[in-house]
Full PDB file with SEQRES, HELIX, SHEET, SSBOND, CRYST1, ORIGX, SCALE, CONECT and MASTER records, all heavy atoms in Angstrom:
SEQRES   1 A   43  ARG ARG ALA ALA ALA ILE ARG THR PHE GLU GLN ARG ALA          
SEQRES   2 A   43  ALA THR THR THR ARG LEU ARG ALA ALA GLY ALA THR VAL          
SEQRES   3 A   43  VAL ASP ALA VAL PRO GLY GLY LEU ALA ALA ALA LEU SER          
SEQRES   4 A   43  ASP ALA TYR LEU                                              
HELIX    1 AA1 ARG A    2  ALA A   21  1                                  20    
HELIX    2 AA2 LEU A   34  TYR A   42  1                                   9    
CRYST1    1.000    1.000    1.000  90.00  90.00  90.00 P 1           1          
ORIGX1      1.000000  0.000000  0.000000        0.00000                         
ORIGX2      0.000000  1.000000  0.000000        0.00000                         
ORIGX3      0.000000  0.000000  1.000000        0.00000                         
SCALE1      1.000000  0.000000  0.000000        0.00000                         
SCALE2      0.000000  1.000000  0.000000        0.00000                         
SCALE3      0.000000  0.000000  1.000000        0.00000                         
ATOM      1  N   ARG A   1     -13.853  17.115  -0.585  1.00  0.00           N  
ATOM      2  CA  ARG A   1     -13.518  15.828  -1.006  1.00  0.00           C  
ATOM      3  C   ARG A   1     -12.019  15.662  -1.337  1.00  0.00           C  
ATOM      4  O   ARG A   1     -11.470  14.632  -0.980  1.00  0.00           O  
ATOM      5  CB  ARG A   1     -14.346  15.585  -2.320  1.00  0.00           C  
ATOM      6  CG  ARG A   1     -14.261  14.177  -2.783  1.00  0.00           C  
ATOM      7  CD  ARG A   1     -15.301  13.875  -3.893  1.00  0.00           C  
ATOM      8  NE  ARG A   1     -15.136  14.801  -5.040  1.00  0.00           N  
ATOM      9  CZ  ARG A   1     -15.953  14.843  -6.017  1.00  0.00           C  
ATOM     10  NH1 ARG A   1     -17.060  14.176  -6.018  1.00  0.00           N  
ATOM     11  NH2 ARG A   1     -15.702  15.667  -7.060  1.00  0.00           N  
ATOM     12  N   ARG A   2     -11.423  16.702  -1.877  1.00  0.00           N  
ATOM     13  CA  ARG A   2      -9.981  16.664  -2.130  1.00  0.00           C  
ATOM     14  C   ARG A   2      -9.172  16.628  -0.840  1.00  0.00           C  
ATOM     15  O   ARG A   2      -8.248  15.832  -0.692  1.00  0.00           O  
ATOM     16  CB  ARG A   2      -9.486  17.865  -2.923  1.00  0.00           C  
ATOM     17  CG  ARG A   2      -8.065  17.833  -3.366  1.00  0.00           C  
ATOM     18  CD  ARG A   2      -7.681  18.997  -4.193  1.00  0.00           C  
ATOM     19  NE  ARG A   2      -6.283  18.964  -4.491  1.00  0.00           N  
ATOM     20  CZ  ARG A   2      -5.631  19.937  -5.204  1.00  0.00           C  
ATOM     21  NH1 ARG A   2      -6.348  20.974  -5.627  1.00  0.00           N  
ATOM     22  NH2 ARG A   2      -4.345  19.785  -5.448  1.00  0.00           N  
ATOM     23  N   ALA A   3      -9.627  17.419   0.152  1.00  0.00           N  
ATOM     24  CA  ALA A   3      -8.968  17.367   1.475  1.00  0.00           C  
ATOM     25  C   ALA A   3      -8.987  16.005   2.134  1.00  0.00           C  
ATOM     26  O   ALA A   3      -8.065  15.466   2.683  1.00  0.00           O  
ATOM     27  CB  ALA A   3      -9.515  18.438   2.358  1.00  0.00           C  
ATOM     28  N   ALA A   4     -10.222  15.366   2.029  1.00  0.00           N  
ATOM     29  CA  ALA A   4     -10.404  14.031   2.614  1.00  0.00           C  
ATOM     30  C   ALA A   4      -9.551  12.981   1.881  1.00  0.00           C  
ATOM     31  O   ALA A   4      -8.975  12.085   2.509  1.00  0.00           O  
ATOM     32  CB  ALA A   4     -11.855  13.650   2.571  1.00  0.00           C  
ATOM     33  N   ALA A   5      -9.432  13.140   0.555  1.00  0.00           N  
ATOM     34  CA  ALA A   5      -8.692  12.222  -0.242  1.00  0.00           C  
ATOM     35  C   ALA A   5      -7.167  12.391   0.047  1.00  0.00           C  
ATOM     36  O   ALA A   5      -6.421  11.371   0.261  1.00  0.00           O  
ATOM     37  CB  ALA A   5      -8.821  12.436  -1.740  1.00  0.00           C  
ATOM     38  N   ILE A   6      -6.652  13.586   0.267  1.00  0.00           N  
ATOM     39  CA  ILE A   6      -5.322  13.814   0.626  1.00  0.00           C  
ATOM     40  C   ILE A   6      -4.958  13.187   2.019  1.00  0.00           C  
ATOM     41  O   ILE A   6      -3.929  12.543   2.195  1.00  0.00           O  
ATOM     42  CB  ILE A   6      -4.953  15.320   0.616  1.00  0.00           C  
ATOM     43  CG1 ILE A   6      -4.999  15.864  -0.856  1.00  0.00           C  
ATOM     44  CG2 ILE A   6      -3.637  15.608   1.244  1.00  0.00           C  
ATOM     45  CD1 ILE A   6      -4.862  17.324  -0.940  1.00  0.00           C  
ATOM     46  N   ARG A   7      -5.867  13.450   2.957  1.00  0.00           N  
ATOM     47  CA  ARG A   7      -5.682  12.901   4.267  1.00  0.00           C  
ATOM     48  C   ARG A   7      -5.688  11.335   4.259  1.00  0.00           C  
ATOM     49  O   ARG A   7      -4.830  10.713   4.884  1.00  0.00           O  
ATOM     50  CB  ARG A   7      -6.748  13.417   5.211  1.00  0.00           C  
ATOM     51  CG  ARG A   7      -6.591  12.919   6.638  1.00  0.00           C  
ATOM     52  CD  ARG A   7      -7.698  13.432   7.524  1.00  0.00           C  
ATOM     53  NE  ARG A   7      -7.468  12.933   8.929  1.00  0.00           N  
ATOM     54  CZ  ARG A   7      -8.326  13.197   9.924  1.00  0.00           C  
ATOM     55  NH1 ARG A   7      -9.431  13.951   9.700  1.00  0.00           N  
ATOM     56  NH2 ARG A   7      -8.147  12.700  11.126  1.00  0.00           N  
ATOM     57  N   THR A   8      -6.603  10.766   3.471  1.00  0.00           N  
ATOM     58  CA  THR A   8      -6.699   9.291   3.359  1.00  0.00           C  
ATOM     59  C   THR A   8      -5.418   8.779   2.774  1.00  0.00           C  
ATOM     60  O   THR A   8      -4.856   7.761   3.195  1.00  0.00           O  
ATOM     61  CB  THR A   8      -7.834   8.932   2.482  1.00  0.00           C  
ATOM     62  OG1 THR A   8      -9.054   9.371   3.089  1.00  0.00           O  
ATOM     63  CG2 THR A   8      -7.931   7.403   2.349  1.00  0.00           C  
ATOM     64  N   PHE A   9      -4.842   9.410   1.724  1.00  0.00           N  
ATOM     65  CA  PHE A   9      -3.627   8.966   1.093  1.00  0.00           C  
ATOM     66  C   PHE A   9      -2.442   9.067   2.019  1.00  0.00           C  
ATOM     67  O   PHE A   9      -1.606   8.152   2.144  1.00  0.00           O  
ATOM     68  CB  PHE A   9      -3.333   9.860  -0.132  1.00  0.00           C  
ATOM     69  CG  PHE A   9      -2.130   9.459  -0.900  1.00  0.00           C  
ATOM     70  CD1 PHE A   9      -2.155   8.392  -1.863  1.00  0.00           C  
ATOM     71  CD2 PHE A   9      -0.969  10.164  -0.689  1.00  0.00           C  
ATOM     72  CE1 PHE A   9      -1.006   8.085  -2.524  1.00  0.00           C  
ATOM     73  CE2 PHE A   9       0.206   9.781  -1.396  1.00  0.00           C  
ATOM     74  CZ  PHE A   9       0.137   8.742  -2.331  1.00  0.00           C  
ATOM     75  N   GLU A  10      -2.371  10.140   2.789  1.00  0.00           N  
ATOM     76  CA  GLU A  10      -1.326  10.286   3.762  1.00  0.00           C  
ATOM     77  C   GLU A  10      -1.314   9.242   4.884  1.00  0.00           C  
ATOM     78  O   GLU A  10      -0.318   8.702   5.236  1.00  0.00           O  
ATOM     79  CB  GLU A  10      -1.284  11.683   4.363  1.00  0.00           C  
ATOM     80  CG  GLU A  10      -0.969  12.806   3.351  1.00  0.00           C  
ATOM     81  CD  GLU A  10      -1.089  14.190   3.911  1.00  0.00           C  
ATOM     82  OE1 GLU A  10      -1.651  14.275   5.027  1.00  0.00           O  
ATOM     83  OE2 GLU A  10      -0.601  15.214   3.304  1.00  0.00           O  
ATOM     84  N   GLN A  11      -2.550   8.975   5.325  1.00  0.00           N  
ATOM     85  CA  GLN A  11      -2.721   7.912   6.382  1.00  0.00           C  
ATOM     86  C   GLN A  11      -2.301   6.601   5.835  1.00  0.00           C  
ATOM     87  O   GLN A  11      -1.660   5.754   6.551  1.00  0.00           O  
ATOM     88  CB  GLN A  11      -4.137   7.921   6.873  1.00  0.00           C  
ATOM     89  CG  GLN A  11      -4.479   9.134   7.753  1.00  0.00           C  
ATOM     90  CD  GLN A  11      -5.931   9.116   8.183  1.00  0.00           C  
ATOM     91  OE1 GLN A  11      -6.743   8.371   7.712  1.00  0.00           O  
ATOM     92  NE2 GLN A  11      -6.275   9.893   9.247  1.00  0.00           N  
ATOM     93  N   ARG A  12      -2.653   6.287   4.617  1.00  0.00           N  
ATOM     94  CA  ARG A  12      -2.353   5.018   3.985  1.00  0.00           C  
ATOM     95  C   ARG A  12      -0.850   4.876   3.777  1.00  0.00           C  
ATOM     96  O   ARG A  12      -0.316   3.811   4.105  1.00  0.00           O  
ATOM     97  CB  ARG A  12      -3.071   4.884   2.633  1.00  0.00           C  
ATOM     98  CG  ARG A  12      -3.088   3.556   2.048  1.00  0.00           C  
ATOM     99  CD  ARG A  12      -3.873   3.452   0.741  1.00  0.00           C  
ATOM    100  NE  ARG A  12      -4.053   2.102   0.250  1.00  0.00           N  
ATOM    101  CZ  ARG A  12      -5.054   1.318   0.597  1.00  0.00           C  
ATOM    102  NH1 ARG A  12      -6.021   1.737   1.338  1.00  0.00           N  
ATOM    103  NH2 ARG A  12      -5.163   0.079   0.070  1.00  0.00           N  
ATOM    104  N   ALA A  13      -0.209   5.960   3.399  1.00  0.00           N  
ATOM    105  CA  ALA A  13       1.293   5.942   3.230  1.00  0.00           C  
ATOM    106  C   ALA A  13       1.949   5.713   4.580  1.00  0.00           C  
ATOM    107  O   ALA A  13       2.946   4.936   4.691  1.00  0.00           O  
ATOM    108  CB  ALA A  13       1.686   7.175   2.582  1.00  0.00           C  
ATOM    109  N   ALA A  14       1.392   6.373   5.605  1.00  0.00           N  
ATOM    110  CA  ALA A  14       1.987   6.190   6.991  1.00  0.00           C  
ATOM    111  C   ALA A  14       1.815   4.754   7.488  1.00  0.00           C  
ATOM    112  O   ALA A  14       2.673   4.197   8.053  1.00  0.00           O  
ATOM    113  CB  ALA A  14       1.365   7.183   7.934  1.00  0.00           C  
ATOM    114  N   THR A  15       0.622   4.216   7.193  1.00  0.00           N  
ATOM    115  CA  THR A  15       0.403   2.792   7.656  1.00  0.00           C  
ATOM    116  C   THR A  15       1.296   1.816   6.945  1.00  0.00           C  
ATOM    117  O   THR A  15       1.875   0.966   7.564  1.00  0.00           O  
ATOM    118  CB  THR A  15      -1.083   2.477   7.354  1.00  0.00           C  
ATOM    119  OG1 THR A  15      -1.978   3.303   8.070  1.00  0.00           O  
ATOM    120  CG2 THR A  15      -1.352   1.057   7.738  1.00  0.00           C  
ATOM    121  N   THR A  16       1.537   2.048   5.630  1.00  0.00           N  
ATOM    122  CA  THR A  16       2.483   1.209   4.874  1.00  0.00           C  
ATOM    123  C   THR A  16       3.871   1.271   5.447  1.00  0.00           C  
ATOM    124  O   THR A  16       4.551   0.312   5.569  1.00  0.00           O  
ATOM    125  CB  THR A  16       2.468   1.656   3.411  1.00  0.00           C  
ATOM    126  OG1 THR A  16       1.124   1.520   2.865  1.00  0.00           O  
ATOM    127  CG2 THR A  16       3.374   0.805   2.597  1.00  0.00           C  
ATOM    128  N   THR A  17       4.256   2.535   5.790  1.00  0.00           N  
ATOM    129  CA  THR A  17       5.641   2.706   6.369  1.00  0.00           C  
ATOM    130  C   THR A  17       5.788   1.942   7.672  1.00  0.00           C  
ATOM    131  O   THR A  17       6.777   1.330   7.902  1.00  0.00           O  
ATOM    132  CB  THR A  17       5.956   4.187   6.523  1.00  0.00           C  
ATOM    133  OG1 THR A  17       5.806   4.874   5.248  1.00  0.00           O  
ATOM    134  CG2 THR A  17       7.327   4.434   7.104  1.00  0.00           C  
ATOM    135  N   ARG A  18       4.739   2.015   8.495  1.00  0.00           N  
ATOM    136  CA  ARG A  18       4.845   1.352   9.836  1.00  0.00           C  
ATOM    137  C   ARG A  18       4.820  -0.118   9.702  1.00  0.00           C  
ATOM    138  O   ARG A  18       5.548  -0.842  10.381  1.00  0.00           O  
ATOM    139  CB  ARG A  18       3.641   1.829  10.696  1.00  0.00           C  
ATOM    140  CG  ARG A  18       3.698   3.281  11.010  1.00  0.00           C  
ATOM    141  CD  ARG A  18       2.552   3.654  12.014  1.00  0.00           C  
ATOM    142  NE  ARG A  18       2.731   2.963  13.313  1.00  0.00           N  
ATOM    143  CZ  ARG A  18       1.831   3.038  14.293  1.00  0.00           C  
ATOM    144  NH1 ARG A  18       0.766   3.902  14.152  1.00  0.00           N  
ATOM    145  NH2 ARG A  18       2.052   2.387  15.383  1.00  0.00           N  
ATOM    146  N   LEU A  19       4.059  -0.654   8.746  1.00  0.00           N  
ATOM    147  CA  LEU A  19       4.073  -2.102   8.505  1.00  0.00           C  
ATOM    148  C   LEU A  19       5.404  -2.593   8.000  1.00  0.00           C  
ATOM    149  O   LEU A  19       5.860  -3.707   8.401  1.00  0.00           O  
ATOM    150  CB  LEU A  19       2.962  -2.498   7.536  1.00  0.00           C  
ATOM    151  CG  LEU A  19       1.512  -2.300   8.098  1.00  0.00           C  
ATOM    152  CD1 LEU A  19       0.477  -2.495   6.971  1.00  0.00           C  
ATOM    153  CD2 LEU A  19       1.222  -3.337   9.219  1.00  0.00           C  
ATOM    154  N   ARG A  20       6.015  -1.833   7.132  1.00  0.00           N  
ATOM    155  CA  ARG A  20       7.334  -2.212   6.628  1.00  0.00           C  
ATOM    156  C   ARG A  20       8.413  -2.147   7.662  1.00  0.00           C  
ATOM    157  O   ARG A  20       9.297  -2.953   7.723  1.00  0.00           O  
ATOM    158  CB  ARG A  20       7.705  -1.309   5.403  1.00  0.00           C  
ATOM    159  CG  ARG A  20       6.904  -1.704   4.153  1.00  0.00           C  
ATOM    160  CD  ARG A  20       7.098  -0.668   3.044  1.00  0.00           C  
ATOM    161  NE  ARG A  20       6.380  -1.069   1.784  1.00  0.00           N  
ATOM    162  CZ  ARG A  20       6.105  -0.317   0.799  1.00  0.00           C  
ATOM    163  NH1 ARG A  20       6.585   0.934   0.810  1.00  0.00           N  
ATOM    164  NH2 ARG A  20       5.459  -0.787  -0.280  1.00  0.00           N  
ATOM    165  N   ALA A  21       8.261  -1.144   8.517  1.00  0.00           N  
ATOM    166  CA  ALA A  21       9.191  -1.066   9.660  1.00  0.00           C  
ATOM    167  C   ALA A  21       9.114  -2.185  10.628  1.00  0.00           C  
ATOM    168  O   ALA A  21      10.049  -2.610  11.314  1.00  0.00           O  
ATOM    169  CB  ALA A  21       9.017   0.285  10.406  1.00  0.00           C  
ATOM    170  N   ALA A  22       7.865  -2.808  10.664  1.00  0.00           N  
ATOM    171  CA  ALA A  22       7.634  -3.941  11.573  1.00  0.00           C  
ATOM    172  C   ALA A  22       8.140  -5.245  10.899  1.00  0.00           C  
ATOM    173  O   ALA A  22       8.023  -6.283  11.558  1.00  0.00           O  
ATOM    174  CB  ALA A  22       6.173  -4.082  11.878  1.00  0.00           C  
ATOM    175  N   GLY A  23       8.662  -5.179   9.709  1.00  0.00           N  
ATOM    176  CA  GLY A  23       9.203  -6.373   9.029  1.00  0.00           C  
ATOM    177  C   GLY A  23       8.367  -7.032   7.946  1.00  0.00           C  
ATOM    178  O   GLY A  23       8.797  -8.030   7.414  1.00  0.00           O  
ATOM    179  N   ALA A  24       7.248  -6.403   7.662  1.00  0.00           N  
ATOM    180  CA  ALA A  24       6.340  -6.996   6.662  1.00  0.00           C  
ATOM    181  C   ALA A  24       6.680  -6.340   5.254  1.00  0.00           C  
ATOM    182  O   ALA A  24       7.049  -5.198   5.156  1.00  0.00           O  
ATOM    183  CB  ALA A  24       4.916  -6.817   6.970  1.00  0.00           C  
ATOM    184  N   THR A  25       6.478  -7.122   4.255  1.00  0.00           N  
ATOM    185  CA  THR A  25       6.495  -6.562   2.844  1.00  0.00           C  
ATOM    186  C   THR A  25       5.085  -6.156   2.478  1.00  0.00           C  
ATOM    187  O   THR A  25       4.177  -6.932   2.629  1.00  0.00           O  
ATOM    188  CB  THR A  25       6.980  -7.673   1.839  1.00  0.00           C  
ATOM    189  OG1 THR A  25       8.312  -8.050   2.296  1.00  0.00           O  
ATOM    190  CG2 THR A  25       7.033  -7.094   0.447  1.00  0.00           C  
ATOM    191  N   VAL A  26       4.906  -4.951   2.012  1.00  0.00           N  
ATOM    192  CA  VAL A  26       3.591  -4.391   1.682  1.00  0.00           C  
ATOM    193  C   VAL A  26       3.482  -4.204   0.229  1.00  0.00           C  
ATOM    194  O   VAL A  26       4.335  -3.570  -0.411  1.00  0.00           O  
ATOM    195  CB  VAL A  26       3.341  -3.129   2.451  1.00  0.00           C  
ATOM    196  CG1 VAL A  26       1.939  -2.596   2.156  1.00  0.00           C  
ATOM    197  CG2 VAL A  26       3.452  -3.318   3.957  1.00  0.00           C  
ATOM    198  N   VAL A  27       2.387  -4.731  -0.338  1.00  0.00           N  
ATOM    199  CA  VAL A  27       2.075  -4.571  -1.761  1.00  0.00           C  
ATOM    200  C   VAL A  27       0.729  -3.835  -1.762  1.00  0.00           C  
ATOM    201  O   VAL A  27      -0.311  -4.371  -1.420  1.00  0.00           O  
ATOM    202  CB  VAL A  27       1.953  -5.940  -2.501  1.00  0.00           C  
ATOM    203  CG1 VAL A  27       1.543  -5.693  -3.917  1.00  0.00           C  
ATOM    204  CG2 VAL A  27       3.279  -6.597  -2.429  1.00  0.00           C  
ATOM    205  N   ASP A  28       0.794  -2.605  -2.271  1.00  0.00           N  
ATOM    206  CA  ASP A  28      -0.461  -1.821  -2.349  1.00  0.00           C  
ATOM    207  C   ASP A  28      -0.685  -1.502  -3.838  1.00  0.00           C  
ATOM    208  O   ASP A  28       0.043  -0.617  -4.402  1.00  0.00           O  
ATOM    209  CB  ASP A  28      -0.322  -0.550  -1.507  1.00  0.00           C  
ATOM    210  CG  ASP A  28      -1.647   0.238  -1.349  1.00  0.00           C  
ATOM    211  OD1 ASP A  28      -2.681  -0.412  -1.589  1.00  0.00           O  
ATOM    212  OD2 ASP A  28      -1.658   1.366  -0.983  1.00  0.00           O  
ATOM    213  N   ALA A  29      -1.636  -2.080  -4.497  1.00  0.00           N  
ATOM    214  CA  ALA A  29      -1.787  -2.009  -5.880  1.00  0.00           C  
ATOM    215  C   ALA A  29      -3.131  -1.525  -6.299  1.00  0.00           C  
ATOM    216  O   ALA A  29      -4.082  -1.488  -5.508  1.00  0.00           O  
ATOM    217  CB  ALA A  29      -1.515  -3.386  -6.524  1.00  0.00           C  
ATOM    218  N   VAL A  30      -3.295  -1.071  -7.555  1.00  0.00           N  
ATOM    219  CA  VAL A  30      -4.551  -0.646  -8.070  1.00  0.00           C  
ATOM    220  C   VAL A  30      -5.386  -1.865  -8.475  1.00  0.00           C  
ATOM    221  O   VAL A  30      -4.828  -2.952  -8.562  1.00  0.00           O  
ATOM    222  CB  VAL A  30      -4.357   0.236  -9.295  1.00  0.00           C  
ATOM    223  CG1 VAL A  30      -3.600   1.464  -8.895  1.00  0.00           C  
ATOM    224  CG2 VAL A  30      -3.577  -0.513 -10.421  1.00  0.00           C  
ATOM    225  N   PRO A  31      -6.698  -1.720  -8.695  1.00  0.00           N  
ATOM    226  CA  PRO A  31      -7.551  -2.835  -9.121  1.00  0.00           C  
ATOM    227  C   PRO A  31      -6.967  -3.387 -10.360  1.00  0.00           C  
ATOM    228  O   PRO A  31      -6.619  -2.732 -11.331  1.00  0.00           O  
ATOM    229  CB  PRO A  31      -8.906  -2.174  -9.332  1.00  0.00           C  
ATOM    230  CG  PRO A  31      -8.962  -1.028  -8.449  1.00  0.00           C  
ATOM    231  CD  PRO A  31      -7.516  -0.517  -8.416  1.00  0.00           C  
ATOM    232  N   GLY A  32      -6.915  -4.708 -10.455  1.00  0.00           N  
ATOM    233  CA  GLY A  32      -6.371  -5.389 -11.617  1.00  0.00           C  
ATOM    234  C   GLY A  32      -4.882  -5.668 -11.546  1.00  0.00           C  
ATOM    235  O   GLY A  32      -4.336  -6.417 -12.346  1.00  0.00           O  
ATOM    236  N   GLY A  33      -4.208  -5.011 -10.588  1.00  0.00           N  
ATOM    237  CA  GLY A  33      -2.734  -5.218 -10.466  1.00  0.00           C  
ATOM    238  C   GLY A  33      -2.297  -5.901  -9.220  1.00  0.00           C  
ATOM    239  O   GLY A  33      -1.073  -6.175  -9.105  1.00  0.00           O  
ATOM    240  N   LEU A  34      -3.190  -6.177  -8.266  1.00  0.00           N  
ATOM    241  CA  LEU A  34      -2.777  -6.804  -7.010  1.00  0.00           C  
ATOM    242  C   LEU A  34      -2.310  -8.178  -7.317  1.00  0.00           C  
ATOM    243  O   LEU A  34      -1.260  -8.627  -6.702  1.00  0.00           O  
ATOM    244  CB  LEU A  34      -4.019  -6.827  -6.082  1.00  0.00           C  
ATOM    245  CG  LEU A  34      -3.724  -7.516  -4.718  1.00  0.00           C  
ATOM    246  CD1 LEU A  34      -2.609  -6.757  -3.967  1.00  0.00           C  
ATOM    247  CD2 LEU A  34      -4.960  -7.511  -3.881  1.00  0.00           C  
ATOM    248  N   ALA A  35      -2.958  -9.019  -8.082  1.00  0.00           N  
ATOM    249  CA  ALA A  35      -2.511 -10.403  -8.358  1.00  0.00           C  
ATOM    250  C   ALA A  35      -1.110 -10.404  -8.908  1.00  0.00           C  
ATOM    251  O   ALA A  35      -0.263 -11.189  -8.450  1.00  0.00           O  
ATOM    252  CB  ALA A  35      -3.487 -11.094  -9.296  1.00  0.00           C  
ATOM    253  N   ALA A  36      -0.847  -9.575  -9.922  1.00  0.00           N  
ATOM    254  CA  ALA A  36       0.529  -9.531 -10.524  1.00  0.00           C  
ATOM    255  C   ALA A  36       1.564  -9.098  -9.553  1.00  0.00           C  
ATOM    256  O   ALA A  36       2.683  -9.633  -9.453  1.00  0.00           O  
ATOM    257  CB  ALA A  36       0.453  -8.542 -11.735  1.00  0.00           C  
ATOM    258  N   ALA A  37       1.251  -8.088  -8.747  1.00  0.00           N  
ATOM    259  CA  ALA A  37       2.250  -7.584  -7.776  1.00  0.00           C  
ATOM    260  C   ALA A  37       2.502  -8.589  -6.705  1.00  0.00           C  
ATOM    261  O   ALA A  37       3.739  -8.801  -6.298  1.00  0.00           O  
ATOM    262  CB  ALA A  37       1.685  -6.295  -7.197  1.00  0.00           C  
ATOM    263  N   LEU A  38       1.581  -9.332  -6.218  1.00  0.00           N  
ATOM    264  CA  LEU A  38       1.807 -10.318  -5.228  1.00  0.00           C  
ATOM    265  C   LEU A  38       2.556 -11.537  -5.847  1.00  0.00           C  
ATOM    266  O   LEU A  38       3.397 -12.167  -5.162  1.00  0.00           O  
ATOM    267  CB  LEU A  38       0.445 -10.798  -4.657  1.00  0.00           C  
ATOM    268  CG  LEU A  38      -0.103  -9.922  -3.501  1.00  0.00           C  
ATOM    269  CD1 LEU A  38      -1.438 -10.487  -3.034  1.00  0.00           C  
ATOM    270  CD2 LEU A  38       0.871  -9.831  -2.315  1.00  0.00           C  
ATOM    271  N   SER A  39       2.288 -11.858  -7.098  1.00  0.00           N  
ATOM    272  CA  SER A  39       2.966 -12.919  -7.748  1.00  0.00           C  
ATOM    273  C   SER A  39       4.476 -12.606  -7.816  1.00  0.00           C  
ATOM    274  O   SER A  39       5.318 -13.440  -7.548  1.00  0.00           O  
ATOM    275  CB  SER A  39       2.362 -13.162  -9.087  1.00  0.00           C  
ATOM    276  OG  SER A  39       1.048 -13.615  -9.003  1.00  0.00           O  
ATOM    277  N   ASP A  40       4.736 -11.305  -8.189  1.00  0.00           N  
ATOM    278  CA  ASP A  40       6.105 -10.900  -8.290  1.00  0.00           C  
ATOM    279  C   ASP A  40       6.871 -10.942  -6.933  1.00  0.00           C  
ATOM    280  O   ASP A  40       8.000 -11.293  -6.761  1.00  0.00           O  
ATOM    281  CB  ASP A  40       6.190  -9.524  -8.852  1.00  0.00           C  
ATOM    282  CG  ASP A  40       5.837  -9.470 -10.398  1.00  0.00           C  
ATOM    283  OD1 ASP A  40       5.885 -10.578 -11.005  1.00  0.00           O  
ATOM    284  OD2 ASP A  40       5.486  -8.437 -10.855  1.00  0.00           O  
ATOM    285  N   ALA A  41       6.051 -10.590  -5.863  1.00  0.00           N  
ATOM    286  CA  ALA A  41       6.605 -10.617  -4.512  1.00  0.00           C  
ATOM    287  C   ALA A  41       6.969 -11.989  -4.067  1.00  0.00           C  
ATOM    288  O   ALA A  41       7.949 -12.230  -3.459  1.00  0.00           O  
ATOM    289  CB  ALA A  41       5.672  -9.932  -3.492  1.00  0.00           C  
ATOM    290  N   TYR A  42       6.099 -12.921  -4.451  1.00  0.00           N  
ATOM    291  CA  TYR A  42       6.344 -14.321  -4.089  1.00  0.00           C  
ATOM    292  C   TYR A  42       7.604 -14.830  -4.889  1.00  0.00           C  
ATOM    293  O   TYR A  42       8.477 -15.519  -4.254  1.00  0.00           O  
ATOM    294  CB  TYR A  42       5.119 -15.143  -4.429  1.00  0.00           C  
ATOM    295  CG  TYR A  42       5.391 -16.640  -4.700  1.00  0.00           C  
ATOM    296  CD1 TYR A  42       5.663 -17.459  -3.631  1.00  0.00           C  
ATOM    297  CD2 TYR A  42       5.423 -17.188  -5.937  1.00  0.00           C  
ATOM    298  CE1 TYR A  42       6.014 -18.844  -3.795  1.00  0.00           C  
ATOM    299  CE2 TYR A  42       5.707 -18.511  -6.145  1.00  0.00           C  
ATOM    300  CZ  TYR A  42       6.000 -19.326  -5.127  1.00  0.00           C  
ATOM    301  OH  TYR A  42       6.320 -20.666  -5.294  1.00  0.00           O  
ATOM    302  N   LEU A  43       7.691 -14.552  -6.170  1.00  0.00           N  
ATOM    303  CA  LEU A  43       8.842 -14.961  -6.922  1.00  0.00           C  
ATOM    304  C   LEU A  43      10.087 -14.370  -6.442  1.00  0.00           C  
ATOM    305  O   LEU A  43      11.176 -15.091  -6.407  1.00  0.00           O  
ATOM    306  CB  LEU A  43       8.590 -14.641  -8.392  1.00  0.00           C  
ATOM    307  CG  LEU A  43       7.456 -15.457  -9.151  1.00  0.00           C  
ATOM    308  CD1 LEU A  43       7.268 -14.887 -10.560  1.00  0.00           C  
ATOM    309  CD2 LEU A  43       7.796 -16.903  -9.162  1.00  0.00           C  
TER     310      LEU A  43                                                      
MASTER        0    0    0    2    0    0    0    6  309    1    0    4          
END                                                                             
C-alpha cells in the first residue's frame, strides 16, 4: 500500500509539472481547501 501511494504521488507530481509546462496554472488542494485555493488563483 505504501509503495502504491508513493507511485501515485510521484505520478501526480509529474502530471502537475507537465500541465504547468503546457501553460496551465494547477491548483491541487486537500478536501476543504480547493475552493479557497481556486479563489486565490482567480484573485
